[in-house]
Amino acid sequence: MKEPDFEWDVTRDGQTVVIDVMWAETVTDADVDAVVAATEQLLRHDEVKFIQFNGPVMEDRPPRALAATIQALYALARRRRKPLLIGPI
């Protein structure tokens, strides 16, 4: 079975929406839209105060393929007035 080009998960952990990226070889515009939509869905909870973007691929340096995803999440964070935390924390 072929490895996915982009593997991610969006969950809520208390006051934080967490985007975990396990693999990011290529990321399409549709992938970026899906991550943003999943994140936005969880931001509807009043308790959420933070957005955290991390995962195994973020341990050294984010792959270039993630640039559009990070930019889109940054724009979402600004619109929603939530801090965006990037990288392993």
N, C-alpha and C. Protein backbone atom coordinates (compact mmCIF):
# COMPACT_ATOMS: atom_id res chain seq x y z
N MET A 1 0.84 -1.18 0.00
CA MET A 1 0.00 0.00 0.00
C MET A 1 0.88 1.24 0.00
N LYS A 2 0.51 2.21 -0.81
CA LYS A 2 1.30 3.44 -0.95
C LYS A 2 1.11 4.34 0.28
N GLU A 3 2.20 4.96 0.71
CA GLU A 3 2.15 5.94 1.80
C GLU A 3 1.35 7.15 1.35
N PRO A 4 0.57 7.76 2.24
CA PRO A 4 -0.14 8.98 1.84
C PRO A 4 0.84 10.14 1.64
N ASP A 5 0.46 11.08 0.77
CA ASP A 5 1.29 12.25 0.55
C ASP A 5 1.18 13.24 1.70
N PHE A 6 0.03 13.23 2.38
CA PHE A 6 -0.23 14.19 3.45
C PHE A 6 -1.12 13.50 4.47
N GLU A 7 -0.62 13.34 5.67
CA GLU A 7 -1.37 12.67 6.72
C GLU A 7 -1.46 13.61 7.92
N TRP A 8 -2.68 13.90 8.36
CA TRP A 8 -2.89 14.87 9.43
C TRP A 8 -4.13 14.50 10.23
N ASP A 9 -4.26 15.15 11.40
CA ASP A 9 -5.42 14.95 12.25
C ASP A 9 -5.66 16.24 13.02
N VAL A 10 -6.92 16.61 13.17
CA VAL A 10 -7.28 17.80 13.94
C VAL A 10 -8.17 17.35 15.09
N THR A 11 -7.77 17.70 16.31
CA THR A 11 -8.52 17.33 17.50
C THR A 11 -8.60 18.52 18.44
N ARG A 12 -9.46 18.41 19.42
CA ARG A 12 -9.54 19.44 20.45
C ARG A 12 -9.07 18.83 21.76
N ASP A 13 -8.16 19.52 22.43
CA ASP A 13 -7.64 19.09 23.73
C ASP A 13 -7.88 20.24 24.70
N GLY A 14 -9.02 20.22 25.36
CA GLY A 14 -9.35 21.30 26.29
C GLY A 14 -9.53 22.62 25.56
N GLN A 15 -8.66 23.58 25.87
CA GLN A 15 -8.74 24.91 25.28
C GLN A 15 -7.96 25.04 23.97
N THR A 16 -7.45 23.94 23.48
CA THR A 16 -6.57 24.00 22.30
C THR A 16 -7.08 23.11 21.18
N VAL A 17 -7.10 23.66 19.97
CA VAL A 17 -7.31 22.86 18.78
C VAL A 17 -5.92 22.45 18.31
N VAL A 18 -5.70 21.15 18.18
CA VAL A 18 -4.38 20.62 17.84
C VAL A 18 -4.42 20.03 16.44
N ILE A 19 -3.52 20.52 15.58
CA ILE A 19 -3.36 19.97 14.24
C ILE A 19 -2.05 19.18 14.26
N ASP A 20 -2.15 17.87 14.19
CA ASP A 20 -0.96 17.00 14.16
C ASP A 20 -0.71 16.58 12.72
N VAL A 21 0.50 16.84 12.24
CA VAL A 21 0.89 16.43 10.89
C VAL A 21 1.91 15.30 11.03
N MET A 22 1.52 14.13 10.56
CA MET A 22 2.40 12.97 10.65
C MET A 22 3.30 12.82 9.43
N TRP A 23 2.79 13.30 8.28
CA TRP A 23 3.53 13.14 7.03
C TRP A 23 3.11 14.24 6.08
N ALA A 24 4.06 14.85 5.39
CA ALA A 24 3.73 15.92 4.43
C ALA A 24 4.74 15.93 3.30
N GLU A 25 4.48 15.13 2.29
CA GLU A 25 5.36 15.12 1.12
C GLU A 25 4.87 16.13 0.09
N THR A 26 3.60 16.03 -0.27
CA THR A 26 2.96 17.03 -1.11
C THR A 26 1.62 17.39 -0.48
N VAL A 27 1.26 18.66 -0.57
CA VAL A 27 0.02 19.15 0.01
C VAL A 27 -0.72 19.95 -1.06
N THR A 28 -1.92 19.53 -1.38
CA THR A 28 -2.71 20.21 -2.40
C THR A 28 -3.55 21.33 -1.77
N ASP A 29 -4.12 22.17 -2.62
CA ASP A 29 -5.02 23.21 -2.13
C ASP A 29 -6.22 22.59 -1.42
N ALA A 30 -6.70 21.46 -1.92
CA ALA A 30 -7.82 20.77 -1.28
C ALA A 30 -7.42 20.27 0.11
N ASP A 31 -6.17 19.83 0.27
CA ASP A 31 -5.68 19.41 1.58
C ASP A 31 -5.68 20.58 2.55
N VAL A 32 -5.18 21.72 2.09
CA VAL A 32 -5.14 22.92 2.93
C VAL A 32 -6.56 23.30 3.35
N ASP A 33 -7.48 23.30 2.39
CA ASP A 33 -8.87 23.64 2.69
C ASP A 33 -9.47 22.68 3.73
N ALA A 34 -9.15 21.40 3.62
CA ALA A 34 -9.69 20.41 4.56
C ALA A 34 -9.16 20.64 5.97
N VAL A 35 -7.87 20.93 6.11
CA VAL A 35 -7.28 21.19 7.43
C VAL A 35 -7.91 22.45 8.04
N VAL A 36 -8.04 23.50 7.25
CA VAL A 36 -8.62 24.75 7.74
C VAL A 36 -10.08 24.53 8.14
N ALA A 37 -10.84 23.81 7.33
CA ALA A 37 -12.25 23.56 7.64
C ALA A 37 -12.40 22.75 8.94
N ALA A 38 -11.57 21.73 9.11
CA ALA A 38 -11.63 20.92 10.34
C ALA A 38 -11.25 21.76 11.56
N THR A 39 -10.25 22.61 11.40
CA THR A 39 -9.83 23.49 12.49
C THR A 39 -10.93 24.48 12.83
N GLU A 40 -11.51 25.08 11.80
CA GLU A 40 -12.57 26.07 12.01
C GLU A 40 -13.78 25.46 12.72
N GLN A 41 -14.09 24.23 12.38
CA GLN A 41 -15.21 23.54 13.03
C GLN A 41 -15.00 23.46 14.54
N LEU A 42 -13.79 23.12 14.96
CA LEU A 42 -13.50 22.99 16.39
C LEU A 42 -13.33 24.34 17.08
N LEU A 43 -13.03 25.38 16.32
CA LEU A 43 -12.91 26.72 16.91
C LEU A 43 -14.27 27.28 17.32
N ARG A 44 -15.33 26.64 16.93
CA ARG A 44 -16.68 27.10 17.30
C ARG A 44 -16.98 26.90 18.78
N HIS A 45 -16.21 26.07 19.44
CA HIS A 45 -16.38 25.86 20.88
C HIS A 45 -15.87 27.09 21.63
N ASP A 46 -16.70 27.66 22.48
CA ASP A 46 -16.32 28.87 23.22
C ASP A 46 -15.08 28.69 24.09
N GLU A 47 -14.82 27.48 24.53
CA GLU A 47 -13.70 27.22 25.43
C GLU A 47 -12.34 27.29 24.75
N VAL A 48 -12.31 27.19 23.44
CA VAL A 48 -11.04 27.13 22.70
C VAL A 48 -10.35 28.50 22.71
N LYS A 49 -9.09 28.48 23.13
CA LYS A 49 -8.29 29.71 23.22
C LYS A 49 -7.06 29.71 22.31
N PHE A 50 -6.61 28.52 21.88
CA PHE A 50 -5.35 28.39 21.14
C PHE A 50 -5.51 27.44 19.96
N ILE A 51 -4.63 27.63 18.96
CA ILE A 51 -4.48 26.69 17.86
C ILE A 51 -3.02 26.24 17.90
N GLN A 52 -2.81 24.93 17.92
CA GLN A 52 -1.44 24.38 17.98
C GLN A 52 -1.21 23.51 16.75
N PHE A 53 -0.14 23.82 16.00
CA PHE A 53 0.21 23.09 14.79
C PHE A 53 1.53 22.38 15.04
N ASN A 54 1.49 21.05 15.09
CA ASN A 54 2.73 20.31 15.30
C ASN A 54 2.60 18.89 14.77
N GLY A 55 3.44 18.04 15.23
CA GLY A 55 3.45 16.65 14.80
C GLY A 55 4.87 16.22 14.48
N PRO A 56 5.04 14.95 14.18
CA PRO A 56 6.38 14.42 13.92
C PRO A 56 7.15 15.15 12.82
N VAL A 57 6.47 15.65 11.79
CA VAL A 57 7.19 16.33 10.71
C VAL A 57 7.73 17.69 11.15
N MET A 58 7.30 18.19 12.29
CA MET A 58 7.71 19.51 12.75
C MET A 58 8.93 19.45 13.68
N GLU A 59 9.46 18.28 13.92
CA GLU A 59 10.54 18.14 14.90
C GLU A 59 11.81 18.90 14.51
N ASP A 60 12.17 18.89 13.25
CA ASP A 60 13.38 19.60 12.83
C ASP A 60 13.02 20.95 12.23
N ARG A 61 12.40 20.90 11.09
CA ARG A 61 12.02 22.10 10.36
C ARG A 61 10.83 21.74 9.48
N PRO A 62 9.80 22.60 9.45
CA PRO A 62 8.62 22.25 8.65
C PRO A 62 8.98 22.05 7.18
N PRO A 63 8.46 21.00 6.56
CA PRO A 63 8.69 20.82 5.12
C PRO A 63 8.07 21.95 4.32
N ARG A 64 8.67 22.29 3.21
CA ARG A 64 8.15 23.35 2.33
C ARG A 64 6.70 23.10 1.94
N ALA A 65 6.34 21.85 1.83
CA ALA A 65 4.98 21.50 1.42
C ALA A 65 3.93 22.05 2.38
N LEU A 66 4.34 22.37 3.61
CA LEU A 66 3.40 22.86 4.61
C LEU A 66 3.23 24.38 4.61
N ALA A 67 3.96 25.09 3.79
CA ALA A 67 3.92 26.56 3.82
C ALA A 67 2.51 27.11 3.63
N ALA A 68 1.78 26.59 2.64
CA ALA A 68 0.42 27.09 2.38
C ALA A 68 -0.51 26.76 3.54
N THR A 69 -0.32 25.61 4.15
CA THR A 69 -1.15 25.22 5.29
C THR A 69 -0.91 26.15 6.47
N ILE A 70 0.34 26.43 6.74
CA ILE A 70 0.68 27.32 7.86
C ILE A 70 0.14 28.73 7.59
N GLN A 71 0.28 29.21 6.37
CA GLN A 71 -0.24 30.54 6.02
C GLN A 71 -1.76 30.60 6.19
N ALA A 72 -2.46 29.56 5.75
CA ALA A 72 -3.92 29.54 5.87
C ALA A 72 -4.35 29.47 7.33
N LEU A 73 -3.63 28.69 8.14
CA LEU A 73 -3.96 28.62 9.57
C LEU A 73 -3.65 29.93 10.27
N TYR A 74 -2.59 30.59 9.86
CA TYR A 74 -2.27 31.90 10.44
C TYR A 74 -3.39 32.90 10.14
N ALA A 75 -3.88 32.90 8.91
CA ALA A 75 -4.98 33.80 8.54
C ALA A 75 -6.24 33.47 9.36
N LEU A 76 -6.53 32.19 9.53
CA LEU A 76 -7.67 31.78 10.34
C LEU A 76 -7.50 32.22 11.79
N ALA A 77 -6.31 32.03 12.33
CA ALA A 77 -6.03 32.44 13.72
C ALA A 77 -6.23 33.94 13.89
N ARG A 78 -5.79 34.72 12.94
CA ARG A 78 -5.98 36.18 13.01
C ARG A 78 -7.45 36.55 12.96
N ARG A 79 -8.19 35.91 12.05
CA ARG A 79 -9.63 36.20 11.95
C ARG A 79 -10.36 35.86 13.25
N ARG A 80 -9.97 34.76 13.85
CA ARG A 80 -10.63 34.28 15.07
C ARG A 80 -10.00 34.83 16.35
N ARG A 81 -8.91 35.61 16.19
CA ARG A 81 -8.19 36.20 17.33
C ARG A 81 -7.74 35.15 18.34
N LYS A 82 -7.09 34.11 17.79
CA LYS A 82 -6.54 33.03 18.61
C LYS A 82 -5.05 32.92 18.31
N PRO A 83 -4.22 32.73 19.33
CA PRO A 83 -2.79 32.50 19.07
C PRO A 83 -2.56 31.19 18.32
N LEU A 84 -1.65 31.23 17.34
CA LEU A 84 -1.25 30.04 16.61
C LEU A 84 0.14 29.65 17.10
N LEU A 85 0.24 28.46 17.69
CA LEU A 85 1.51 27.94 18.20
C LEU A 85 2.00 26.92 17.18
N ILE A 86 3.23 27.10 16.70
CA ILE A 86 3.77 26.23 15.67
C ILE A 86 4.99 25.48 16.18
N GLY A 87 5.00 24.17 15.93
CA GLY A 87 6.16 23.35 16.26
C GLY A 87 5.95 22.52 17.50
N PRO A 88 6.90 21.69 17.80
CA PRO A 88 6.79 20.86 18.99
C PRO A 88 6.82 21.71 20.25
N ILE A 89 5.88 21.47 21.11
CA ILE A 89 5.78 22.26 22.34
C ILE A 89 5.88 21.36 23.53
